[in-house]
mmCIF file of all heavy atoms, coordinates in Angstrom:
data_MODEL
# 
_entry.id   MODEL 
# 
loop_
_atom_site.group_PDB 
_atom_site.id 
_atom_site.type_symbol 
_atom_site.label_atom_id 
_atom_site.label_alt_id 
_atom_site.label_comp_id 
_atom_site.label_asym_id 
_atom_site.label_entity_id 
_atom_site.label_seq_id 
_atom_site.pdbx_PDB_ins_code 
_atom_site.Cartn_x 
_atom_site.Cartn_y 
_atom_site.Cartn_z 
_atom_site.occupancy 
_atom_site.B_iso_or_equiv 
_atom_site.pdbx_formal_charge 
_atom_site.auth_seq_id 
_atom_site.auth_comp_id 
_atom_site.auth_asym_id 
_atom_site.auth_atom_id 
_atom_site.pdbx_PDB_model_num 
ATOM 1   N N   . LEU A 1 1  ? -9.728  -14.307 -17.976 1.00 0.00 ? 1  LEU A N   1 
ATOM 2   C CA  . LEU A 1 1  ? -9.387  -14.185 -16.562 1.00 0.00 ? 1  LEU A CA  1 
ATOM 3   C C   . LEU A 1 1  ? -9.787  -12.826 -16.008 1.00 0.00 ? 1  LEU A C   1 
ATOM 4   O O   . LEU A 1 1  ? -10.299 -12.721 -14.888 1.00 0.00 ? 1  LEU A O   1 
ATOM 5   C CB  . LEU A 1 1  ? -7.884  -14.404 -16.366 1.00 0.00 ? 1  LEU A CB  1 
ATOM 6   C CG  . LEU A 1 1  ? -7.368  -15.829 -16.604 1.00 0.00 ? 1  LEU A CG  1 
ATOM 7   C CD1 . LEU A 1 1  ? -5.857  -15.868 -16.465 1.00 0.00 ? 1  LEU A CD1 1 
ATOM 8   C CD2 . LEU A 1 1  ? -8.010  -16.812 -15.628 1.00 0.00 ? 1  LEU A CD2 1 
ATOM 9   N N   . LYS A 1 2  ? -9.572  -11.776 -16.791 1.00 0.00 ? 2  LYS A N   1 
ATOM 10  C CA  . LYS A 1 2  ? -9.930  -10.435 -16.327 1.00 0.00 ? 2  LYS A CA  1 
ATOM 11  C C   . LYS A 1 2  ? -11.429 -10.287 -16.180 1.00 0.00 ? 2  LYS A C   1 
ATOM 12  O O   . LYS A 1 2  ? -11.920 -9.722  -15.193 1.00 0.00 ? 2  LYS A O   1 
ATOM 13  C CB  . LYS A 1 2  ? -9.383  -9.390  -17.299 1.00 0.00 ? 2  LYS A CB  1 
ATOM 14  C CG  . LYS A 1 2  ? -7.873  -9.290  -17.310 1.00 0.00 ? 2  LYS A CG  1 
ATOM 15  C CD  . LYS A 1 2  ? -7.390  -8.371  -18.428 1.00 0.00 ? 2  LYS A CD  1 
ATOM 16  C CE  . LYS A 1 2  ? -5.871  -8.366  -18.532 1.00 0.00 ? 2  LYS A CE  1 
ATOM 17  N NZ  . LYS A 1 2  ? -5.401  -7.550  -19.692 1.00 0.00 ? 2  LYS A NZ  1 
ATOM 18  N N   . SER A 1 3  ? -12.174 -10.788 -17.149 1.00 0.00 ? 3  SER A N   1 
ATOM 19  C CA  . SER A 1 3  ? -13.635 -10.665 -17.081 1.00 0.00 ? 3  SER A CA  1 
ATOM 20  C C   . SER A 1 3  ? -14.232 -11.597 -16.051 1.00 0.00 ? 3  SER A C   1 
ATOM 21  O O   . SER A 1 3  ? -15.304 -11.338 -15.498 1.00 0.00 ? 3  SER A O   1 
ATOM 22  C CB  . SER A 1 3  ? -14.254 -10.962 -18.458 1.00 0.00 ? 3  SER A CB  1 
ATOM 23  O OG  . SER A 1 3  ? -13.954 -12.297 -18.862 1.00 0.00 ? 3  SER A OG  1 
ATOM 24  N N   . GLY A 1 4  ? -13.514 -12.701 -15.741 1.00 0.00 ? 4  GLY A N   1 
ATOM 25  C CA  . GLY A 1 4  ? -14.027 -13.653 -14.764 1.00 0.00 ? 4  GLY A CA  1 
ATOM 26  C C   . GLY A 1 4  ? -13.768 -13.261 -13.325 1.00 0.00 ? 4  GLY A C   1 
ATOM 27  O O   . GLY A 1 4  ? -14.246 -13.932 -12.413 1.00 0.00 ? 4  GLY A O   1 
ATOM 28  N N   . GLY A 1 5  ? -12.996 -12.217 -13.116 1.00 0.00 ? 5  GLY A N   1 
ATOM 29  C CA  . GLY A 1 5  ? -12.795 -11.719 -11.759 1.00 0.00 ? 5  GLY A CA  1 
ATOM 30  C C   . GLY A 1 5  ? -11.716 -12.420 -10.965 1.00 0.00 ? 5  GLY A C   1 
ATOM 31  O O   . GLY A 1 5  ? -11.636 -12.262 -9.753  1.00 0.00 ? 5  GLY A O   1 
ATOM 32  N N   . GLU A 1 6  ? -10.810 -13.162 -11.651 1.00 0.00 ? 6  GLU A N   1 
ATOM 33  C CA  . GLU A 1 6  ? -9.767  -13.864 -10.897 1.00 0.00 ? 6  GLU A CA  1 
ATOM 34  C C   . GLU A 1 6  ? -8.822  -12.884 -10.215 1.00 0.00 ? 6  GLU A C   1 
ATOM 35  O O   . GLU A 1 6  ? -8.424  -13.087 -9.074  1.00 0.00 ? 6  GLU A O   1 
ATOM 36  C CB  . GLU A 1 6  ? -8.980  -14.789 -11.835 1.00 0.00 ? 6  GLU A CB  1 
ATOM 37  C CG  . GLU A 1 6  ? -7.967  -15.646 -11.103 1.00 0.00 ? 6  GLU A CG  1 
ATOM 38  C CD  . GLU A 1 6  ? -7.341  -16.708 -11.978 1.00 0.00 ? 6  GLU A CD  1 
ATOM 39  O OE1 . GLU A 1 6  ? -8.055  -17.630 -12.399 1.00 0.00 ? 6  GLU A OE1 1 
ATOM 40  O OE2 . GLU A 1 6  ? -6.125  -16.626 -12.230 1.00 0.00 ? 6  GLU A OE2 1 
ATOM 41  N N   . SER A 1 7  ? -8.454  -11.789 -10.922 1.00 0.00 ? 7  SER A N   1 
ATOM 42  C CA  . SER A 1 7  ? -7.566  -10.813 -10.298 1.00 0.00 ? 7  SER A CA  1 
ATOM 43  C C   . SER A 1 7  ? -8.253  -10.118 -9.128  1.00 0.00 ? 7  SER A C   1 
ATOM 44  O O   . SER A 1 7  ? -7.626  -9.815  -8.116  1.00 0.00 ? 7  SER A O   1 
ATOM 45  C CB  . SER A 1 7  ? -7.109  -9.780  -11.332 1.00 0.00 ? 7  SER A CB  1 
ATOM 46  O OG  . SER A 1 7  ? -8.215  -9.061  -11.840 1.00 0.00 ? 7  SER A OG  1 
ATOM 47  N N   . GLY A 1 8  ? -9.556  -9.871  -9.251  1.00 0.00 ? 8  GLY A N   1 
ATOM 48  C CA  . GLY A 1 8  ? -10.299 -9.253  -8.160  1.00 0.00 ? 8  GLY A CA  1 
ATOM 49  C C   . GLY A 1 8  ? -10.424 -10.152 -6.949  1.00 0.00 ? 8  GLY A C   1 
ATOM 50  O O   . GLY A 1 8  ? -10.498 -9.675  -5.811  1.00 0.00 ? 8  GLY A O   1 
ATOM 51  N N   . ALA A 1 9  ? -10.413 -11.473 -7.188  1.00 0.00 ? 9  ALA A N   1 
ATOM 52  C CA  . ALA A 1 9  ? -10.538 -12.411 -6.070  1.00 0.00 ? 9  ALA A CA  1 
ATOM 53  C C   . ALA A 1 9  ? -9.314  -12.343 -5.166  1.00 0.00 ? 9  ALA A C   1 
ATOM 54  O O   . ALA A 1 9  ? -9.419  -12.376 -3.943  1.00 0.00 ? 9  ALA A O   1 
ATOM 55  C CB  . ALA A 1 9  ? -10.724 -13.830 -6.600  1.00 0.00 ? 9  ALA A CB  1 
ATOM 56  N N   . GLY A 1 10 ? -8.137  -12.235 -5.776  1.00 0.00 ? 10 GLY A N   1 
ATOM 57  C CA  . GLY A 1 10 ? -6.933  -12.121 -4.972  1.00 0.00 ? 10 GLY A CA  1 
ATOM 58  C C   . GLY A 1 10 ? -6.934  -10.863 -4.134  1.00 0.00 ? 10 GLY A C   1 
ATOM 59  O O   . GLY A 1 10 ? -6.551  -10.885 -2.958  1.00 0.00 ? 10 GLY A O   1 
ATOM 60  N N   . GLN A 1 11 ? -7.361  -9.752  -4.714  1.00 0.00 ? 11 GLN A N   1 
ATOM 61  C CA  . GLN A 1 11 ? -7.431  -8.503  -3.972  1.00 0.00 ? 11 GLN A CA  1 
ATOM 62  C C   . GLN A 1 11 ? -8.468  -8.584  -2.867  1.00 0.00 ? 11 GLN A C   1 
ATOM 63  O O   . GLN A 1 11 ? -8.268  -8.058  -1.766  1.00 0.00 ? 11 GLN A O   1 
ATOM 64  C CB  . GLN A 1 11 ? -7.751  -7.343  -4.923  1.00 0.00 ? 11 GLN A CB  1 
ATOM 65  C CG  . GLN A 1 11 ? -7.876  -5.991  -4.255  1.00 0.00 ? 11 GLN A CG  1 
ATOM 66  C CD  . GLN A 1 11 ? -6.600  -5.568  -3.554  1.00 0.00 ? 11 GLN A CD  1 
ATOM 67  O OE1 . GLN A 1 11 ? -5.517  -6.028  -3.896  1.00 0.00 ? 11 GLN A OE1 1 
ATOM 68  N NE2 . GLN A 1 11 ? -6.726  -4.691  -2.564  1.00 0.00 ? 11 GLN A NE2 1 
ATOM 69  N N   . ALA A 1 12 ? -9.597  -9.255  -3.146  1.00 0.00 ? 12 ALA A N   1 
ATOM 70  C CA  . ALA A 1 12 ? -10.634 -9.403  -2.128  1.00 0.00 ? 12 ALA A CA  1 
ATOM 71  C C   . ALA A 1 12 ? -10.120 -10.221 -0.941  1.00 0.00 ? 12 ALA A C   1 
ATOM 72  O O   . ALA A 1 12 ? -10.450 -9.929  0.211   1.00 0.00 ? 12 ALA A O   1 
ATOM 73  C CB  . ALA A 1 12 ? -11.871 -10.078 -2.736  1.00 0.00 ? 12 ALA A CB  1 
ATOM 74  N N   . LEU A 1 13 ? -9.301  -11.241 -1.234  1.00 0.00 ? 13 LEU A N   1 
ATOM 75  C CA  . LEU A 1 13 ? -8.744  -12.047 -0.144  1.00 0.00 ? 13 LEU A CA  1 
ATOM 76  C C   . LEU A 1 13 ? -7.825  -11.212 0.738   1.00 0.00 ? 13 LEU A C   1 
ATOM 77  O O   . LEU A 1 13 ? -7.862  -11.318 1.966   1.00 0.00 ? 13 LEU A O   1 
ATOM 78  C CB  . LEU A 1 13 ? -7.972  -13.235 -0.735  1.00 0.00 ? 13 LEU A CB  1 
ATOM 79  C CG  . LEU A 1 13 ? -7.346  -14.194 0.276   1.00 0.00 ? 13 LEU A CG  1 
ATOM 80  C CD1 . LEU A 1 13 ? -8.417  -14.877 1.108   1.00 0.00 ? 13 LEU A CD1 1 
ATOM 81  C CD2 . LEU A 1 13 ? -6.488  -15.236 -0.436  1.00 0.00 ? 13 LEU A CD2 1 
ATOM 82  N N   . ILE A 1 14 ? -7.007  -10.363 0.113   1.00 0.00 ? 14 ILE A N   1 
ATOM 83  C CA  . ILE A 1 14 ? -6.114  -9.493  0.882   1.00 0.00 ? 14 ILE A CA  1 
ATOM 84  C C   . ILE A 1 14 ? -6.918  -8.511  1.725   1.00 0.00 ? 14 ILE A C   1 
ATOM 85  O O   . ILE A 1 14 ? -6.617  -8.256  2.887   1.00 0.00 ? 14 ILE A O   1 
ATOM 86  C CB  . ILE A 1 14 ? -5.156  -8.753  -0.070  1.00 0.00 ? 14 ILE A CB  1 
ATOM 87  C CG1 . ILE A 1 14 ? -4.241  -9.758  -0.768  1.00 0.00 ? 14 ILE A CG1 1 
ATOM 88  C CG2 . ILE A 1 14 ? -4.327  -7.719  0.691   1.00 0.00 ? 14 ILE A CG2 1 
ATOM 89  C CD1 . ILE A 1 14 ? -3.443  -9.173  -1.900  1.00 0.00 ? 14 ILE A CD1 1 
ATOM 90  N N   . SER A 1 15 ? -7.985  -7.949  1.136   1.00 0.00 ? 15 SER A N   1 
ATOM 91  C CA  . SER A 1 15 ? -8.835  -7.023  1.877   1.00 0.00 ? 15 SER A CA  1 
ATOM 92  C C   . SER A 1 15 ? -9.510  -7.721  3.047   1.00 0.00 ? 15 SER A C   1 
ATOM 93  O O   . SER A 1 15 ? -9.640  -7.163  4.135   1.00 0.00 ? 15 SER A O   1 
ATOM 94  C CB  . SER A 1 15 ? -9.885  -6.417  0.945   1.00 0.00 ? 15 SER A CB  1 
ATOM 95  O OG  . SER A 1 15 ? -9.263  -5.696  -0.107  1.00 0.00 ? 15 SER A OG  1 
ATOM 96  N N   . LEU A 1 16 ? -9.954  -8.961  2.816   1.00 0.00 ? 16 LEU A N   1 
ATOM 97  C CA  . LEU A 1 16 ? -10.595 -9.731  3.883   1.00 0.00 ? 16 LEU A CA  1 
ATOM 98  C C   . LEU A 1 16 ? -9.617  -9.994  5.021   1.00 0.00 ? 16 LEU A C   1 
ATOM 99  O O   . LEU A 1 16 ? -9.982  -9.936  6.198   1.00 0.00 ? 16 LEU A O   1 
ATOM 100 C CB  . LEU A 1 16 ? -11.116 -11.050 3.319   1.00 0.00 ? 16 LEU A CB  1 
ATOM 101 C CG  . LEU A 1 16 ? -11.898 -11.958 4.275   1.00 0.00 ? 16 LEU A CG  1 
ATOM 102 C CD1 . LEU A 1 16 ? -13.158 -11.265 4.771   1.00 0.00 ? 16 LEU A CD1 1 
ATOM 103 C CD2 . LEU A 1 16 ? -12.237 -13.275 3.596   1.00 0.00 ? 16 LEU A CD2 1 
ATOM 104 N N   . ALA A 1 17 ? -8.346  -10.271 4.670   1.00 0.00 ? 17 ALA A N   1 
ATOM 105 C CA  . ALA A 1 17 ? -7.336  -10.509 5.707   1.00 0.00 ? 17 ALA A CA  1 
ATOM 106 C C   . ALA A 1 17 ? -7.146  -9.288  6.589   1.00 0.00 ? 17 ALA A C   1 
ATOM 107 O O   . ALA A 1 17 ? -6.813  -9.400  7.768   1.00 0.00 ? 17 ALA A O   1 
ATOM 108 C CB  . ALA A 1 17 ? -6.013  -10.910 5.053   1.00 0.00 ? 17 ALA A CB  1 
ATOM 109 N N   . GLY A 1 18 ? -7.359  -8.099  6.011   1.00 0.00 ? 18 GLY A N   1 
ATOM 110 C CA  . GLY A 1 18 ? -7.213  -6.880  6.791   1.00 0.00 ? 18 GLY A CA  1 
ATOM 111 C C   . GLY A 1 18 ? -8.327  -6.653  7.780   1.00 0.00 ? 18 GLY A C   1 
ATOM 112 O O   . GLY A 1 18 ? -8.221  -5.781  8.656   1.00 0.00 ? 18 GLY A O   1 
ATOM 113 N N   . LEU A 1 19 ? -9.418  -7.433  7.690   1.00 0.00 ? 19 LEU A N   1 
ATOM 114 C CA  . LEU A 1 19 ? -10.552 -7.265  8.589   1.00 0.00 ? 19 LEU A CA  1 
ATOM 115 C C   . LEU A 1 19 ? -10.420 -8.083  9.872   1.00 0.00 ? 19 LEU A C   1 
ATOM 116 O O   . LEU A 1 19 ? -11.171 -7.869  10.813  1.00 0.00 ? 19 LEU A O   1 
ATOM 117 C CB  . LEU A 1 19 ? -11.856 -7.663  7.882   1.00 0.00 ? 19 LEU A CB  1 
ATOM 118 C CG  . LEU A 1 19 ? -12.261 -6.826  6.653   1.00 0.00 ? 19 LEU A CG  1 
ATOM 119 C CD1 . LEU A 1 19 ? -13.493 -7.416  6.010   1.00 0.00 ? 19 LEU A CD1 1 
ATOM 120 C CD2 . LEU A 1 19 ? -12.500 -5.380  7.061   1.00 0.00 ? 19 LEU A CD2 1 
ATOM 121 N N   . VAL A 1 20 ? -9.496  -9.044  9.878   1.00 0.00 ? 20 VAL A N   1 
ATOM 122 C CA  . VAL A 1 20 ? -9.394  -9.946  11.025  1.00 0.00 ? 20 VAL A CA  1 
ATOM 123 C C   . VAL A 1 20 ? -8.066  -9.707  11.740  1.00 0.00 ? 20 VAL A C   1 
ATOM 124 O O   . VAL A 1 20 ? -7.143  -9.115  11.179  1.00 0.00 ? 20 VAL A O   1 
ATOM 125 C CB  . VAL A 1 20 ? -9.507  -11.424 10.569  1.00 0.00 ? 20 VAL A CB  1 
ATOM 126 C CG1 . VAL A 1 20 ? -10.843 -11.665 9.915   1.00 0.00 ? 20 VAL A CG1 1 
ATOM 127 C CG2 . VAL A 1 20 ? -8.378  -11.773 9.605   1.00 0.00 ? 20 VAL A CG2 1 
ATOM 128 N N   . PRO A 1 21 ? -7.927  -10.147 13.002  1.00 0.00 ? 21 PRO A N   1 
ATOM 129 C CA  . PRO A 1 21 ? -6.669  -9.971  13.736  1.00 0.00 ? 21 PRO A CA  1 
ATOM 130 C C   . PRO A 1 21 ? -5.487  -10.604 13.003  1.00 0.00 ? 21 PRO A C   1 
ATOM 131 O O   . PRO A 1 21 ? -5.644  -11.551 12.229  1.00 0.00 ? 21 PRO A O   1 
ATOM 132 C CB  . PRO A 1 21 ? -6.943  -10.665 15.074  1.00 0.00 ? 21 PRO A CB  1 
ATOM 133 C CG  . PRO A 1 21 ? -8.425  -10.604 15.229  1.00 0.00 ? 21 PRO A CG  1 
ATOM 134 C CD  . PRO A 1 21 ? -8.988  -10.739 13.843  1.00 0.00 ? 21 PRO A CD  1 
ATOM 135 N N   . PHE A 1 22 ? -4.294  -10.099 13.278  1.00 0.00 ? 22 PHE A N   1 
ATOM 136 C CA  . PHE A 1 22 ? -3.117  -10.513 12.523  1.00 0.00 ? 22 PHE A CA  1 
ATOM 137 C C   . PHE A 1 22 ? -2.727  -11.961 12.802  1.00 0.00 ? 22 PHE A C   1 
ATOM 138 O O   . PHE A 1 22 ? -2.289  -12.671 11.887  1.00 0.00 ? 22 PHE A O   1 
ATOM 139 C CB  . PHE A 1 22 ? -1.937  -9.588  12.856  1.00 0.00 ? 22 PHE A CB  1 
ATOM 140 C CG  . PHE A 1 22 ? -0.671  -9.977  12.156  1.00 0.00 ? 22 PHE A CG  1 
ATOM 141 C CD1 . PHE A 1 22 ? -0.488  -9.681  10.821  1.00 0.00 ? 22 PHE A CD1 1 
ATOM 142 C CD2 . PHE A 1 22 ? 0.343   -10.655 12.840  1.00 0.00 ? 22 PHE A CD2 1 
ATOM 143 C CE1 . PHE A 1 22 ? 0.681   -10.044 10.160  1.00 0.00 ? 22 PHE A CE1 1 
ATOM 144 C CE2 . PHE A 1 22 ? 1.513   -11.019 12.191  1.00 0.00 ? 22 PHE A CE2 1 
ATOM 145 C CZ  . PHE A 1 22 ? 1.681   -10.705 10.852  1.00 0.00 ? 22 PHE A CZ  1 
ATOM 146 N N   . ALA A 1 23 ? -2.855  -12.431 14.037  1.00 0.00 ? 23 ALA A N   1 
ATOM 147 C CA  . ALA A 1 23 ? -2.337  -13.752 14.411  1.00 0.00 ? 23 ALA A CA  1 
ATOM 148 C C   . ALA A 1 23 ? -2.901  -14.879 13.541  1.00 0.00 ? 23 ALA A C   1 
ATOM 149 O O   . ALA A 1 23 ? -2.129  -15.681 12.999  1.00 0.00 ? 23 ALA A O   1 
ATOM 150 C CB  . ALA A 1 23 ? -2.610  -14.027 15.888  1.00 0.00 ? 23 ALA A CB  1 
ATOM 151 N N   . PRO A 1 24 ? -4.234  -15.007 13.359  1.00 0.00 ? 24 PRO A N   1 
ATOM 152 C CA  . PRO A 1 24 ? -4.723  -16.096 12.503  1.00 0.00 ? 24 PRO A CA  1 
ATOM 153 C C   . PRO A 1 24 ? -4.316  -15.927 11.046  1.00 0.00 ? 24 PRO A C   1 
ATOM 154 O O   . PRO A 1 24 ? -4.119  -16.917 10.334  1.00 0.00 ? 24 PRO A O   1 
ATOM 155 C CB  . PRO A 1 24 ? -6.250  -16.025 12.673  1.00 0.00 ? 24 PRO A CB  1 
ATOM 156 C CG  . PRO A 1 24 ? -6.529  -14.667 13.196  1.00 0.00 ? 24 PRO A CG  1 
ATOM 157 C CD  . PRO A 1 24 ? -5.350  -14.296 14.005  1.00 0.00 ? 24 PRO A CD  1 
ATOM 158 N N   . VAL A 1 25 ? -4.173  -14.688 10.586  1.00 0.00 ? 25 VAL A N   1 
ATOM 159 C CA  . VAL A 1 25 ? -3.717  -14.467 9.213   1.00 0.00 ? 25 VAL A CA  1 
ATOM 160 C C   . VAL A 1 25 ? -2.282  -14.966 9.053   1.00 0.00 ? 25 VAL A C   1 
ATOM 161 O O   . VAL A 1 25 ? -1.951  -15.650 8.079   1.00 0.00 ? 25 VAL A O   1 
ATOM 162 C CB  . VAL A 1 25 ? -3.817  -12.970 8.847   1.00 0.00 ? 25 VAL A CB  1 
ATOM 163 C CG1 . VAL A 1 25 ? -3.192  -12.712 7.482   1.00 0.00 ? 25 VAL A CG1 1 
ATOM 164 C CG2 . VAL A 1 25 ? -5.268  -12.521 8.857   1.00 0.00 ? 25 VAL A CG2 1 
# 
């Protein structure tokens, strides 16, 4: 799981949410 990037995917999703307005998130 660590080498496959699953933990990084969750963090990337959170970072992506920070790029868009709050209401749709």
